[in-house]
Amino acid sequence: MEAFRQLVAVPAYIACDESWRSAPFIVSLAMCDRRGRPRLVPAVEAAVDRVVDIVGAIGLVTVNIKDNSDLAAHHDLLRRALSFASAVTLFQCSSVEAGEQLMTFLHQRYRLELVREAAS
C-alpha cells in the first residue's frame, strides 16, 4: 500500500446507458493496511470528494471485483450499483487485471466519459 500513497490522481468516469441514464464511478485497487483492514489511499479519497463536488453525489456504493469474476454473470449487480445516480460507485478490484477486465466490460456496455469540472 505504501507505494500507492504516492498516487496524486485517480480518474472518475460517468457511465451512460442506452436510456441516457448516467452514474459516476471510480475504479481502484482494493487496499488493506498492515492489519488487513480495507483502506482507501488518499488519491481515491480525493477522487470521491471531487466527484461529489462536481456532480452533487450524496452517497457511495462500493463493489468488490475479484480476480476471474464472471462479469457477464454479475451484469445485473453492476447495473444495479450504477443505478444510484445520486451516488458514486467505487469499484475496488483485487488486481490490476480485474480492473482492466471491469473497464473493458463497462466500455462494451456503456458510453464512458471522464468526469470533468465545468468550463468557466
PDB file of N, CA and C in Angstrom:
ATOM      1  N   MET A   1       0.829  -1.192   0.000  1.00  0.00           N
ATOM      2  CA  MET A   1       0.000   0.000   0.000  1.00  0.00           C
ATOM      3  C   MET A   1       0.869   1.250   0.000  1.00  0.00           C
ATOM      4  N   GLU A   2       2.026   1.202   0.601  1.00  0.00           N
ATOM      5  CA  GLU A   2       2.891   2.374   0.690  1.00  0.00           C
ATOM      6  C   GLU A   2       3.224   2.955  -0.678  1.00  0.00           C
ATOM      7  N   ALA A   3       3.480   2.101  -1.657  1.00  0.00           N
ATOM      8  CA  ALA A   3       3.822   2.587  -2.995  1.00  0.00           C
ATOM      9  C   ALA A   3       2.670   3.372  -3.618  1.00  0.00           C
ATOM     10  N   PHE A   4       1.437   3.003  -3.274  1.00  0.00           N
ATOM     11  CA  PHE A   4       0.282   3.674  -3.869  1.00  0.00           C
ATOM     12  C   PHE A   4      -0.051   4.988  -3.174  1.00  0.00           C
ATOM     13  N   ARG A   5       0.554   5.263  -2.042  1.00  0.00           N
ATOM     14  CA  ARG A   5       0.323   6.545  -1.363  1.00  0.00           C
ATOM     15  C   ARG A   5       0.833   7.706  -2.201  1.00  0.00           C
ATOM     16  N   GLN A   6       1.729   7.434  -3.140  1.00  0.00           N
ATOM     17  CA  GLN A   6       2.297   8.485  -3.972  1.00  0.00           C
ATOM     18  C   GLN A   6       1.380   8.875  -5.136  1.00  0.00           C
ATOM     19  N   LEU A   7       0.314   8.120  -5.353  1.00  0.00           N
ATOM     20  CA  LEU A   7      -0.634   8.476  -6.408  1.00  0.00           C
ATOM     21  C   LEU A   7      -1.202   9.855  -6.124  1.00  0.00           C
ATOM     22  N   VAL A   8      -1.296  10.667  -7.153  1.00  0.00           N
ATOM     23  CA  VAL A   8      -1.844  12.003  -6.953  1.00  0.00           C
ATOM     24  C   VAL A   8      -3.232  12.159  -7.552  1.00  0.00           C
ATOM     25  N   ALA A   9      -3.595  11.275  -8.489  1.00  0.00           N
ATOM     26  CA  ALA A   9      -4.908  11.399  -9.124  1.00  0.00           C
ATOM     27  C   ALA A   9      -5.430  10.033  -9.536  1.00  0.00           C
ATOM     28  N   VAL A  10      -6.724   9.860  -9.408  1.00  0.00           N
ATOM     29  CA  VAL A  10      -7.414   8.664  -9.865  1.00  0.00           C
ATOM     30  C   VAL A  10      -8.571   9.162 -10.728  1.00  0.00           C
ATOM     31  N   PRO A  11      -8.682   8.675 -11.972  1.00  0.00           N
ATOM     32  CA  PRO A  11      -9.760   9.172 -12.832  1.00  0.00           C
ATOM     33  C   PRO A  11     -11.133   8.699 -12.362  1.00  0.00           C
ATOM     34  N   ALA A  12     -12.107   9.527 -12.571  1.00  0.00           N
ATOM     35  CA  ALA A  12     -13.504   9.196 -12.304  1.00  0.00           C
ATOM     36  C   ALA A  12     -14.248   9.276 -13.631  1.00  0.00           C
ATOM     37  N   TYR A  13     -15.245   8.436 -13.777  1.00  0.00           N
ATOM     38  CA  TYR A  13     -15.978   8.329 -15.039  1.00  0.00           C
ATOM     39  C   TYR A  13     -17.467   8.481 -14.802  1.00  0.00           C
ATOM     40  N   ILE A  14     -18.159   8.760 -15.894  1.00  0.00           N
ATOM     41  CA  ILE A  14     -19.619   8.720 -15.935  1.00  0.00           C
ATOM     42  C   ILE A  14     -19.978   7.599 -16.899  1.00  0.00           C
ATOM     43  N   ALA A  15     -20.817   6.671 -16.440  1.00  0.00           N
ATOM     44  CA  ALA A  15     -21.340   5.606 -17.305  1.00  0.00           C
ATOM     45  C   ALA A  15     -22.738   6.000 -17.725  1.00  0.00           C
ATOM     46  N   CYS A  16     -22.987   5.967 -19.022  1.00  0.00           N
ATOM     47  CA  CYS A  16     -24.291   6.342 -19.562  1.00  0.00           C
ATOM     48  C   CYS A  16     -24.844   5.148 -20.341  1.00  0.00           C
ATOM     49  N   ASP A  17     -26.069   4.710 -19.999  1.00  0.00           N
ATOM     50  CA  ASP A  17     -26.644   3.554 -20.688  1.00  0.00           C
ATOM     51  C   ASP A  17     -27.451   3.982 -21.909  1.00  0.00           C
ATOM     52  N   GLU A  18     -28.089   3.007 -22.552  1.00  0.00           N
ATOM     53  CA  GLU A  18     -28.827   3.278 -23.790  1.00  0.00           C
ATOM     54  C   GLU A  18     -30.046   4.162 -23.564  1.00  0.00           C
ATOM     55  N   SER A  19     -30.514   4.271 -22.322  1.00  0.00           N
ATOM     56  CA  SER A  19     -31.654   5.138 -21.990  1.00  0.00           C
ATOM     57  C   SER A  19     -31.204   6.509 -21.507  1.00  0.00           C
ATOM     58  N   TRP A  20     -29.924   6.797 -21.625  1.00  0.00           N
ATOM     59  CA  TRP A  20     -29.309   8.061 -21.230  1.00  0.00           C
ATOM     60  C   TRP A  20     -29.319   8.282 -19.730  1.00  0.00           C
ATOM     61  N   ARG A  21     -29.495   7.202 -18.949  1.00  0.00           N
ATOM     62  CA  ARG A  21     -29.308   7.303 -17.501  1.00  0.00           C
ATOM     63  C   ARG A  21     -27.808   7.252 -17.263  1.00  0.00           C
ATOM     64  N   SER A  22     -27.342   8.049 -16.322  1.00  0.00           N
ATOM     65  CA  SER A  22     -25.904   8.088 -16.097  1.00  0.00           C
ATOM     66  C   SER A  22     -25.587   8.048 -14.606  1.00  0.00           C
ATOM     67  N   ALA A  23     -24.374   7.584 -14.311  1.00  0.00           N
ATOM     68  CA  ALA A  23     -23.931   7.491 -12.928  1.00  0.00           C
ATOM     69  C   ALA A  23     -22.413   7.592 -12.888  1.00  0.00           C
ATOM     70  N   PRO A  24     -21.879   8.267 -11.872  1.00  0.00           N
ATOM     71  CA  PRO A  24     -20.426   8.383 -11.739  1.00  0.00           C
ATOM     72  C   PRO A  24     -19.830   7.130 -11.089  1.00  0.00           C
ATOM     73  N   PHE A  25     -18.602   6.791 -11.502  1.00  0.00           N
ATOM     74  CA  PHE A  25     -17.914   5.671 -10.871  1.00  0.00           C
ATOM     75  C   PHE A  25     -16.408   5.865 -10.914  1.00  0.00           C
ATOM     76  N   ILE A  26     -15.736   5.124 -10.029  1.00  0.00           N
ATOM     77  CA  ILE A  26     -14.278   5.123  -9.924  1.00  0.00           C
ATOM     78  C   ILE A  26     -13.835   3.667  -9.845  1.00  0.00           C
ATOM     79  N   VAL A  27     -12.743   3.343 -10.511  1.00  0.00           N
ATOM     80  CA  VAL A  27     -12.157   2.006 -10.420  1.00  0.00           C
ATOM     81  C   VAL A  27     -10.829   2.142  -9.689  1.00  0.00           C
ATOM     82  N   SER A  28     -10.662   1.337  -8.634  1.00  0.00           N
ATOM     83  CA  SER A  28      -9.468   1.401  -7.812  1.00  0.00           C
ATOM     84  C   SER A  28      -9.031  -0.005  -7.435  1.00  0.00           C
ATOM     85  N   LEU A  29      -7.782  -0.122  -7.054  1.00  0.00           N
ATOM     86  CA  LEU A  29      -7.330  -1.371  -6.466  1.00  0.00           C
ATOM     87  C   LEU A  29      -7.806  -1.435  -5.024  1.00  0.00           C
ATOM     88  N   ALA A  30      -8.204  -2.617  -4.587  1.00  0.00           N
ATOM     89  CA  ALA A  30      -8.575  -2.810  -3.187  1.00  0.00           C
ATOM     90  C   ALA A  30      -7.291  -2.824  -2.364  1.00  0.00           C
ATOM     91  N   MET A  31      -7.231  -2.013  -1.348  1.00  0.00           N
ATOM     92  CA  MET A  31      -6.039  -1.907  -0.498  1.00  0.00           C
ATOM     93  C   MET A  31      -6.392  -2.235   0.943  1.00  0.00           C
ATOM     94  N   CYS A  32      -5.411  -2.783   1.647  1.00  0.00           N
ATOM     95  CA  CYS A  32      -5.561  -3.078   3.071  1.00  0.00           C
ATOM     96  C   CYS A  32      -4.360  -2.508   3.821  1.00  0.00           C
ATOM     97  N   ASP A  33      -4.588  -2.146   5.081  1.00  0.00           N
ATOM     98  CA  ASP A  33      -3.467  -1.684   5.899  1.00  0.00           C
ATOM     99  C   ASP A  33      -2.705  -2.897   6.446  1.00  0.00           C
ATOM    100  N   ARG A  34      -1.733  -2.634   7.289  1.00  0.00           N
ATOM    101  CA  ARG A  34      -0.895  -3.726   7.827  1.00  0.00           C
ATOM    102  C   ARG A  34      -1.692  -4.736   8.656  1.00  0.00           C
ATOM    103  N   ARG A  35      -2.820  -4.317   9.162  1.00  0.00           N
ATOM    104  CA  ARG A  35      -3.659  -5.230   9.951  1.00  0.00           C
ATOM    105  C   ARG A  35      -4.684  -5.967   9.095  1.00  0.00           C
ATOM    106  N   GLY A  36      -4.674  -5.693   7.786  1.00  0.00           N
ATOM    107  CA  GLY A  36      -5.607  -6.364   6.881  1.00  0.00           C
ATOM    108  C   GLY A  36      -6.958  -5.694   6.759  1.00  0.00           C
ATOM    109  N   ARG A  37      -7.085  -4.490   7.317  1.00  0.00           N
ATOM    110  CA  ARG A  37      -8.347  -3.757   7.215  1.00  0.00           C
ATOM    111  C   ARG A  37      -8.384  -2.982   5.909  1.00  0.00           C
ATOM    112  N   PRO A  38      -9.545  -2.966   5.232  1.00  0.00           N
ATOM    113  CA  PRO A  38      -9.656  -2.208   3.974  1.00  0.00           C
ATOM    114  C   PRO A  38      -9.395  -0.728   4.188  1.00  0.00           C
ATOM    115  N   ARG A  39      -8.664  -0.130   3.269  1.00  0.00           N
ATOM    116  CA  ARG A  39      -8.336   1.291   3.330  1.00  0.00           C
ATOM    117  C   ARG A  39      -8.370   1.882   1.931  1.00  0.00           C
ATOM    118  N   LEU A  40      -8.667   3.173   1.875  1.00  0.00           N
ATOM    119  CA  LEU A  40      -8.579   3.926   0.627  1.00  0.00           C
ATOM    120  C   LEU A  40      -7.310   4.760   0.667  1.00  0.00           C
ATOM    121  N   VAL A  41      -6.581   4.775  -0.434  1.00  0.00           N
ATOM    122  CA  VAL A  41      -5.411   5.647  -0.497  1.00  0.00           C
ATOM    123  C   VAL A  41      -5.906   7.077  -0.677  1.00  0.00           C
ATOM    124  N   PRO A  42      -5.105   8.061  -0.297  1.00  0.00           N
ATOM    125  CA  PRO A  42      -5.544   9.463  -0.383  1.00  0.00           C
ATOM    126  C   PRO A  42      -6.022   9.880  -1.779  1.00  0.00           C
ATOM    127  N   ALA A  43      -5.424   9.355  -2.842  1.00  0.00           N
ATOM    128  CA  ALA A  43      -5.845   9.740  -4.195  1.00  0.00           C
ATOM    129  C   ALA A  43      -7.270   9.273  -4.487  1.00  0.00           C
ATOM    130  N   VAL A  44      -7.648   8.119  -3.982  1.00  0.00           N
ATOM    131  CA  VAL A  44      -9.017   7.627  -4.183  1.00  0.00           C
ATOM    132  C   VAL A  44      -9.985   8.464  -3.361  1.00  0.00           C
ATOM    133  N   GLU A  45      -9.626   8.765  -2.114  1.00  0.00           N
ATOM    134  CA  GLU A  45     -10.475   9.638  -1.295  1.00  0.00           C
ATOM    135  C   GLU A  45     -10.687  10.986  -1.979  1.00  0.00           C
ATOM    136  N   ALA A  46      -9.609  11.535  -2.526  1.00  0.00           N
ATOM    137  CA  ALA A  46      -9.703  12.832  -3.215  1.00  0.00           C
ATOM    138  C   ALA A  46     -10.590  12.722  -4.451  1.00  0.00           C
ATOM    139  N   ALA A  47     -10.494  11.613  -5.181  1.00  0.00           N
ATOM    140  CA  ALA A  47     -11.323  11.425  -6.376  1.00  0.00           C
ATOM    141  C   ALA A  47     -12.798  11.350  -5.997  1.00  0.00           C
ATOM    142  N   VAL A  48     -13.113  10.621  -4.927  1.00  0.00           N
ATOM    143  CA  VAL A  48     -14.507  10.548  -4.469  1.00  0.00           C
ATOM    144  C   VAL A  48     -14.989  11.943  -4.089  1.00  0.00           C
ATOM    145  N   ASP A  49     -14.199  12.672  -3.309  1.00  0.00           N
ATOM    146  CA  ASP A  49     -14.576  14.034  -2.907  1.00  0.00           C
ATOM    147  C   ASP A  49     -14.790  14.933  -4.118  1.00  0.00           C
ATOM    148  N   ARG A  50     -13.895  14.815  -5.112  1.00  0.00           N
ATOM    149  CA  ARG A  50     -14.001  15.653  -6.313  1.00  0.00           C
ATOM    150  C   ARG A  50     -15.283  15.346  -7.084  1.00  0.00           C
ATOM    151  N   VAL A  51     -15.616  14.061  -7.231  1.00  0.00           N
ATOM    152  CA  VAL A  51     -16.837  13.681  -7.941  1.00  0.00           C
ATOM    153  C   VAL A  51     -18.061  14.190  -7.191  1.00  0.00           C
ATOM    154  N   VAL A  52     -18.057  14.054  -5.881  1.00  0.00           N
ATOM    155  CA  VAL A  52     -19.176  14.554  -5.069  1.00  0.00           C
ATOM    156  C   VAL A  52     -19.365  16.049  -5.323  1.00  0.00           C
ATOM    157  N   ASP A  53     -18.270  16.799  -5.326  1.00  0.00           N
ATOM    158  CA  ASP A  53     -18.355  18.239  -5.570  1.00  0.00           C
ATOM    159  C   ASP A  53     -18.849  18.564  -6.979  1.00  0.00           C
ATOM    160  N   ILE A  54     -18.376  17.815  -7.972  1.00  0.00           N
ATOM    161  CA  ILE A  54     -18.708  18.133  -9.363  1.00  0.00           C
ATOM    162  C   ILE A  54     -20.131  17.728  -9.722  1.00  0.00           C
ATOM    163  N   VAL A  55     -20.521  16.501  -9.381  1.00  0.00           N
ATOM    164  CA  VAL A  55     -21.830  16.010  -9.824  1.00  0.00           C
ATOM    165  C   VAL A  55     -22.901  16.083  -8.756  1.00  0.00           C
ATOM    166  N   GLY A  56     -22.523  16.459  -7.533  1.00  0.00           N
ATOM    167  CA  GLY A  56     -23.506  16.580  -6.473  1.00  0.00           C
ATOM    168  C   GLY A  56     -23.963  15.239  -5.906  1.00  0.00           C
ATOM    169  N   ALA A  57     -23.141  14.216  -6.036  1.00  0.00           N
ATOM    170  CA  ALA A  57     -23.492  12.904  -5.480  1.00  0.00           C
ATOM    171  C   ALA A  57     -23.606  13.004  -3.969  1.00  0.00           C
ATOM    172  N   ILE A  58     -24.473  12.163  -3.406  1.00  0.00           N
ATOM    173  CA  ILE A  58     -24.695  12.232  -1.958  1.00  0.00           C
ATOM    174  C   ILE A  58     -24.418  10.899  -1.256  1.00  0.00           C
ATOM    175  N   GLY A  59     -23.926   9.912  -1.981  1.00  0.00           N
ATOM    176  CA  GLY A  59     -23.664   8.621  -1.370  1.00  0.00           C
ATOM    177  C   GLY A  59     -22.518   7.902  -2.051  1.00  0.00           C
ATOM    178  N   LEU A  60     -22.128   6.780  -1.466  1.00  0.00           N
ATOM    179  CA  LEU A  60     -21.059   5.966  -2.020  1.00  0.00           C
ATOM    180  C   LEU A  60     -21.496   4.509  -2.006  1.00  0.00           C
ATOM    181  N   VAL A  61     -21.445   3.882  -3.174  1.00  0.00           N
ATOM    182  CA  VAL A  61     -21.732   2.457  -3.311  1.00  0.00           C
ATOM    183  C   VAL A  61     -20.403   1.778  -3.593  1.00  0.00           C
ATOM    184  N   THR A  62     -20.058   0.747  -2.829  1.00  0.00           N
ATOM    185  CA  THR A  62     -18.809   0.031  -3.087  1.00  0.00           C
ATOM    186  C   THR A  62     -19.117  -1.360  -3.616  1.00  0.00           C
ATOM    187  N   VAL A  63     -18.344  -1.764  -4.606  1.00  0.00           N
ATOM    188  CA  VAL A  63     -18.473  -3.087  -5.218  1.00  0.00           C
ATOM    189  C   VAL A  63     -17.081  -3.686  -5.289  1.00  0.00           C
ATOM    190  N   ASN A  64     -16.926  -4.884  -4.740  1.00  0.00           N
ATOM    191  CA  ASN A  64     -15.643  -5.580  -4.802  1.00  0.00           C
ATOM    192  C   ASN A  64     -15.612  -6.470  -6.039  1.00  0.00           C
ATOM    193  N   ILE A  65     -14.551  -6.343  -6.818  1.00  0.00           N
ATOM    194  CA  ILE A  65     -14.376  -7.148  -8.028  1.00  0.00           C
ATOM    195  C   ILE A  65     -13.174  -8.058  -7.793  1.00  0.00           C
ATOM    196  N   LYS A  66     -13.422  -9.342  -7.807  1.00  0.00           N
ATOM    197  CA  LYS A  66     -12.366 -10.327  -7.563  1.00  0.00           C
ATOM    198  C   LYS A  66     -11.725 -10.757  -8.879  1.00  0.00           C
ATOM    199  N   ASP A  67     -10.533 -11.323  -8.796  1.00  0.00           N
ATOM    200  CA  ASP A  67      -9.889 -11.905  -9.974  1.00  0.00           C
ATOM    201  C   ASP A  67     -10.795 -12.986 -10.554  1.00  0.00           C
ATOM    202  N   ASN A  68     -10.800 -13.067 -11.861  1.00  0.00           N
ATOM    203  CA  ASN A  68     -11.562 -14.090 -12.586  1.00  0.00           C
ATOM    204  C   ASN A  68     -13.064 -14.031 -12.323  1.00  0.00           C
ATOM    205  N   SER A  69     -13.578 -12.870 -11.950  1.00  0.00           N
ATOM    206  CA  SER A  69     -15.023 -12.722 -11.787  1.00  0.00           C
ATOM    207  C   SER A  69     -15.683 -12.835 -13.150  1.00  0.00           C
ATOM    208  N   ASP A  70     -16.808 -13.507 -13.180  1.00  0.00           N
ATOM    209  CA  ASP A  70     -17.588 -13.599 -14.414  1.00  0.00           C
ATOM    210  C   ASP A  70     -18.474 -12.355 -14.462  1.00  0.00           C
ATOM    211  N   LEU A  71     -17.942 -11.290 -15.051  1.00  0.00           N
ATOM    212  CA  LEU A  71     -18.644 -10.003 -15.028  1.00  0.00           C
ATOM    213  C   LEU A  71     -19.975 -10.079 -15.757  1.00  0.00           C
ATOM    214  N   ALA A  72     -20.062 -10.883 -16.809  1.00  0.00           N
ATOM    215  CA  ALA A  72     -21.332 -11.023 -17.527  1.00  0.00           C
ATOM    216  C   ALA A  72     -22.398 -11.621 -16.614  1.00  0.00           C
ATOM    217  N   ALA A  73     -22.000 -12.580 -15.780  1.00  0.00           N
ATOM    218  CA  ALA A  73     -22.951 -13.194 -14.853  1.00  0.00           C
ATOM    219  C   ALA A  73     -23.386 -12.200 -13.781  1.00  0.00           C
ATOM    220  N   HIS A  74     -22.547 -11.219 -13.496  1.00  0.00           N
ATOM    221  CA  HIS A  74     -22.859 -10.214 -12.474  1.00  0.00           C
ATOM    222  C   HIS A  74     -23.349  -8.903 -13.081  1.00  0.00           C
ATOM    223  N   HIS A  75     -23.748  -8.939 -14.342  1.00  0.00           N
ATOM    224  CA  HIS A  75     -24.153  -7.706 -15.016  1.00  0.00           C
ATOM    225  C   HIS A  75     -25.301  -7.018 -14.282  1.00  0.00           C
ATOM    226  N   ASP A  76     -26.269  -7.788 -13.771  1.00  0.00           N
ATOM    227  CA  ASP A  76     -27.387  -7.170 -13.044  1.00  0.00           C
ATOM    228  C   ASP A  76     -26.906  -6.447 -11.796  1.00  0.00           C
ATOM    229  N   LEU A  77     -25.952  -7.048 -11.086  1.00  0.00           N
ATOM    230  CA  LEU A  77     -25.389  -6.396  -9.903  1.00  0.00           C
ATOM    231  C   LEU A  77     -24.681  -5.101 -10.287  1.00  0.00           C
ATOM    232  N   LEU A  78     -23.890  -5.152 -11.352  1.00  0.00           N
ATOM    233  CA  LEU A  78     -23.182  -3.947 -11.802  1.00  0.00           C
ATOM    234  C   LEU A  78     -24.173  -2.882 -12.241  1.00  0.00           C
ATOM    235  N   ARG A  79     -25.206  -3.286 -12.976  1.00  0.00           N
ATOM    236  CA  ARG A  79     -26.223  -2.319 -13.421  1.00  0.00           C
ATOM    237  C   ARG A  79     -26.940  -1.727 -12.220  1.00  0.00           C
ATOM    238  N   ARG A  80     -27.231  -2.553 -11.207  1.00  0.00           N
ATOM    239  CA  ARG A  80     -27.893  -2.058 -10.005  1.00  0.00           C
ATOM    240  C   ARG A  80     -26.998  -1.063  -9.264  1.00  0.00           C
ATOM    241  N   ALA A  81     -25.714  -1.380  -9.167  1.00  0.00           N
ATOM    242  CA  ALA A  81     -24.781  -0.460  -8.494  1.00  0.00           C
ATOM    243  C   ALA A  81     -24.739   0.875  -9.204  1.00  0.00           C
ATOM    244  N   LEU A  82     -24.753   0.831 -10.531  1.00  0.00           N
ATOM    245  CA  LEU A  82     -24.700   2.075 -11.310  1.00  0.00           C
ATOM    246  C   LEU A  82     -26.060   2.761 -11.416  1.00  0.00           C
ATOM    247  N   SER A  83     -27.109   2.145 -10.877  1.00  0.00           N
ATOM    248  CA  SER A  83     -28.439   2.754 -10.967  1.00  0.00           C
ATOM    249  C   SER A  83     -28.639   3.860  -9.937  1.00  0.00           C
ATOM    250  N   PHE A  84     -27.733   3.960  -8.971  1.00  0.00           N
ATOM    251  CA  PHE A  84     -27.825   5.008  -7.966  1.00  0.00           C
ATOM    252  C   PHE A  84     -27.171   6.269  -8.515  1.00  0.00           C
ATOM    253  N   ALA A  85     -27.917   7.006  -9.312  1.00  0.00           N
ATOM    254  CA  ALA A  85     -27.359   8.187  -9.970  1.00  0.00           C
ATOM    255  C   ALA A  85     -26.890   9.237  -8.974  1.00  0.00           C
ATOM    256  N   SER A  86     -27.448   9.223  -7.770  1.00  0.00           N
ATOM    257  CA  SER A  86     -27.051  10.231  -6.785  1.00  0.00           C
ATOM    258  C   SER A  86     -25.877   9.762  -5.932  1.00  0.00           C
ATOM    259  N   ALA A  87     -25.283   8.631  -6.291  1.00  0.00           N
ATOM    260  CA  ALA A  87     -24.142   8.106  -5.527  1.00  0.00           C
ATOM    261  C   ALA A  87     -22.969   7.845  -6.474  1.00  0.00           C
ATOM    262  N   VAL A  88     -21.787   7.890  -5.915  1.00  0.00           N
ATOM    263  CA  VAL A  88     -20.582   7.488  -6.641  1.00  0.00           C
ATOM    264  C   VAL A  88     -20.407   5.992  -6.399  1.00  0.00           C
ATOM    265  N   THR A  89     -20.206   5.224  -7.460  1.00  0.00           N
ATOM    266  CA  THR A  89     -19.914   3.802  -7.311  1.00  0.00           C
ATOM    267  C   THR A  89     -18.405   3.630  -7.331  1.00  0.00           C
ATOM    268  N   LEU A  90     -17.877   3.013  -6.284  1.00  0.00           N
ATOM    269  CA  LEU A  90     -16.446   2.745  -6.180  1.00  0.00           C
ATOM    270  C   LEU A  90     -16.233   1.254  -6.370  1.00  0.00           C
ATOM    271  N   PHE A  91     -15.640   0.900  -7.499  1.00  0.00           N
ATOM    272  CA  PHE A  91     -15.291  -0.492  -7.766  1.00  0.00           C
ATOM    273  C   PHE A  91     -13.892  -0.730  -7.205  1.00  0.00           C
ATOM    274  N   GLN A  92     -13.779  -1.621  -6.244  1.00  0.00           N
ATOM    275  CA  GLN A  92     -12.494  -1.959  -5.649  1.00  0.00           C
ATOM    276  C   GLN A  92     -12.076  -3.322  -6.191  1.00  0.00           C
ATOM    277  N   CYS A  93     -11.021  -3.320  -6.987  1.00  0.00           N
ATOM    278  CA  CYS A  93     -10.584  -4.518  -7.701  1.00  0.00           C
ATOM    279  C   CYS A  93      -9.430  -5.196  -6.978  1.00  0.00           C
ATOM    280  N   SER A  94      -9.433  -6.521  -6.985  1.00  0.00           N
ATOM    281  CA  SER A  94      -8.408  -7.278  -6.268  1.00  0.00           C
ATOM    282  C   SER A  94      -7.072  -7.289  -6.994  1.00  0.00           C
ATOM    283  N   SER A  95      -7.054  -6.884  -8.268  1.00  0.00           N
ATOM    284  CA  SER A  95      -5.795  -6.838  -9.024  1.00  0.00           C
ATOM    285  C   SER A  95      -5.942  -5.868 -10.184  1.00  0.00           C
ATOM    286  N   VAL A  96      -4.815  -5.535 -10.772  1.00  0.00           N
ATOM    287  CA  VAL A  96      -4.827  -4.681 -11.962  1.00  0.00           C
ATOM    288  C   VAL A  96      -5.608  -5.367 -13.079  1.00  0.00           C
ATOM    289  N   GLU A  97      -5.423  -6.668 -13.231  1.00  0.00           N
ATOM    290  CA  GLU A  97      -6.115  -7.421 -14.270  1.00  0.00           C
ATOM    291  C   GLU A  97      -7.632  -7.369 -14.086  1.00  0.00           C
ATOM    292  N   ALA A  98      -8.089  -7.493 -12.835  1.00  0.00           N
ATOM    293  CA  ALA A  98      -9.524  -7.409 -12.558  1.00  0.00           C
ATOM    294  C   ALA A  98     -10.055  -6.024 -12.931  1.00  0.00           C
ATOM    295  N   GLY A  99      -9.280  -4.990 -12.651  1.00  0.00           N
ATOM    296  CA  GLY A  99      -9.666  -3.631 -13.031  1.00  0.00           C
ATOM    297  C   GLY A  99      -9.739  -3.455 -14.537  1.00  0.00           C
ATOM    298  N   GLU A 100      -8.779  -4.021 -15.251  1.00  0.00           N
ATOM    299  CA  GLU A 100      -8.787  -3.950 -16.716  1.00  0.00           C
ATOM    300  C   GLU A 100      -9.991  -4.689 -17.289  1.00  0.00           C
ATOM    301  N   GLN A 101     -10.294  -5.868 -16.739  1.00  0.00           N
ATOM    302  CA  GLN A 101     -11.460  -6.625 -17.206  1.00  0.00           C
ATOM    303  C   GLN A 101     -12.748  -5.841 -16.949  1.00  0.00           C
ATOM    304  N   LEU A 102     -12.837  -5.212 -15.784  1.00  0.00           N
ATOM    305  CA  LEU A 102     -14.017  -4.416 -15.457  1.00  0.00           C
ATOM    306  C   LEU A 102     -14.172  -3.250 -16.425  1.00  0.00           C
ATOM    307  N   MET A 103     -13.093  -2.513 -16.671  1.00  0.00           N
ATOM    308  CA  MET A 103     -13.177  -1.365 -17.589  1.00  0.00           C
ATOM    309  C   MET A 103     -13.553  -1.811 -19.003  1.00  0.00           C
ATOM    310  N   THR A 104     -13.007  -2.935 -19.449  1.00  0.00           N
ATOM    311  CA  THR A 104     -13.373  -3.467 -20.772  1.00  0.00           C
ATOM    312  C   THR A 104     -14.853  -3.814 -20.798  1.00  0.00           C
ATOM    313  N   PHE A 105     -15.317  -4.484 -19.763  1.00  0.00           N
ATOM    314  CA  PHE A 105     -16.719  -4.871 -19.658  1.00  0.00           C
ATOM    315  C   PHE A 105     -17.625  -3.639 -19.682  1.00  0.00           C
ATOM    316  N   LEU A 106     -17.306  -2.637 -18.871  1.00  0.00           N
ATOM    317  CA  LEU A 106     -18.127  -1.424 -18.824  1.00  0.00           C
ATOM    318  C   LEU A 106     -18.081  -0.669 -20.145  1.00  0.00           C
ATOM    319  N   HIS A 107     -16.903  -0.616 -20.760  1.00  0.00           N
ATOM    320  CA  HIS A 107     -16.755   0.085 -22.046  1.00  0.00           C
ATOM    321  C   HIS A 107     -17.610  -0.564 -23.130  1.00  0.00           C
ATOM    322  N   GLN A 108     -17.786  -1.866 -23.076  1.00  0.00           N
ATOM    323  CA  GLN A 108     -18.588  -2.573 -24.070  1.00  0.00           C
ATOM    324  C   GLN A 108     -20.079  -2.353 -23.882  1.00  0.00           C
ATOM    325  N   ARG A 109     -20.499  -1.963 -22.682  1.00  0.00           N
ATOM    326  CA  ARG A 109     -21.931  -1.861 -22.383  1.00  0.00           C
ATOM    327  C   ARG A 109     -22.435  -0.439 -22.118  1.00  0.00           C
ATOM    328  N   TYR A 110     -21.536   0.480 -21.872  1.00  0.00           N
ATOM    329  CA  TYR A 110     -21.920   1.846 -21.550  1.00  0.00           C
ATOM    330  C   TYR A 110     -21.071   2.826 -22.347  1.00  0.00           C
ATOM    331  N   ARG A 111     -21.592   4.017 -22.489  1.00  0.00           N
ATOM    332  CA  ARG A 111     -20.773   5.112 -23.009  1.00  0.00           C
ATOM    333  C   ARG A 111     -20.080   5.707 -21.803  1.00  0.00           C
ATOM    334  N   LEU A 112     -18.756   5.757 -21.839  1.00  0.00           N
ATOM    335  CA  LEU A 112     -17.984   6.234 -20.700  1.00  0.00           C
ATOM    336  C   LEU A 112     -17.360   7.585 -21.009  1.00  0.00           C
ATOM    337  N   GLU A 113     -17.421   8.480 -20.043  1.00  0.00           N
ATOM    338  CA  GLU A 113     -16.794   9.793 -20.163  1.00  0.00           C
ATOM    339  C   GLU A 113     -16.056  10.083 -18.865  1.00  0.00           C
ATOM    340  N   LEU A 114     -14.973  10.808 -18.964  1.00  0.00           N
ATOM    341  CA  LEU A 114     -14.279  11.272 -17.762  1.00  0.00           C
ATOM    342  C   LEU A 114     -15.109  12.342 -17.076  1.00  0.00           C
ATOM    343  N   VAL A 115     -15.120  12.330 -15.762  1.00  0.00           N
ATOM    344  CA  VAL A 115     -15.765  13.407 -15.005  1.00  0.00           C
ATOM    345  C   VAL A 115     -14.850  14.615 -15.093  1.00  0.00           C
ATOM    346  N   ARG A 116     -15.425  15.725 -15.501  1.00  0.00           N
ATOM    347  CA  ARG A 116     -14.641  16.965 -15.629  1.00  0.00           C
ATOM    348  C   ARG A 116     -15.410  18.102 -14.973  1.00  0.00           C
ATOM    349  N   GLU A 117     -14.629  19.036 -14.476  1.00  0.00           N
ATOM    350  CA  GLU A 117     -15.265  20.231 -13.922  1.00  0.00           C
ATOM    351  C   GLU A 117     -15.786  21.075 -15.073  1.00  0.00           C
ATOM    352  N   ALA A 118     -16.868  21.779 -14.823  1.00  0.00           N
ATOM    353  CA  ALA A 118     -17.449  22.628 -15.852  1.00  0.00           C
ATOM    354  C   ALA A 118     -16.458  23.721 -16.250  1.00  0.00           C
ATOM    355  N   ALA A 119     -16.405  23.999 -17.546  1.00  0.00           N
ATOM    356  CA  ALA A 119     -15.532  25.062 -18.027  1.00  0.00           C
ATOM    357  C   ALA A 119     -16.061  26.395 -17.523  1.00  0.00           C
ATOM    358  N   SER A 120     -15.153  27.255 -17.086  1.00  0.00           N
ATOM    359  CA  SER A 120     -15.598  28.561 -16.568  1.00  0.00           C
ATOM    360  C   SER A 120     -15.535  29.626 -17.621  1.00  0.00           C
TER     361      SER A 120
END
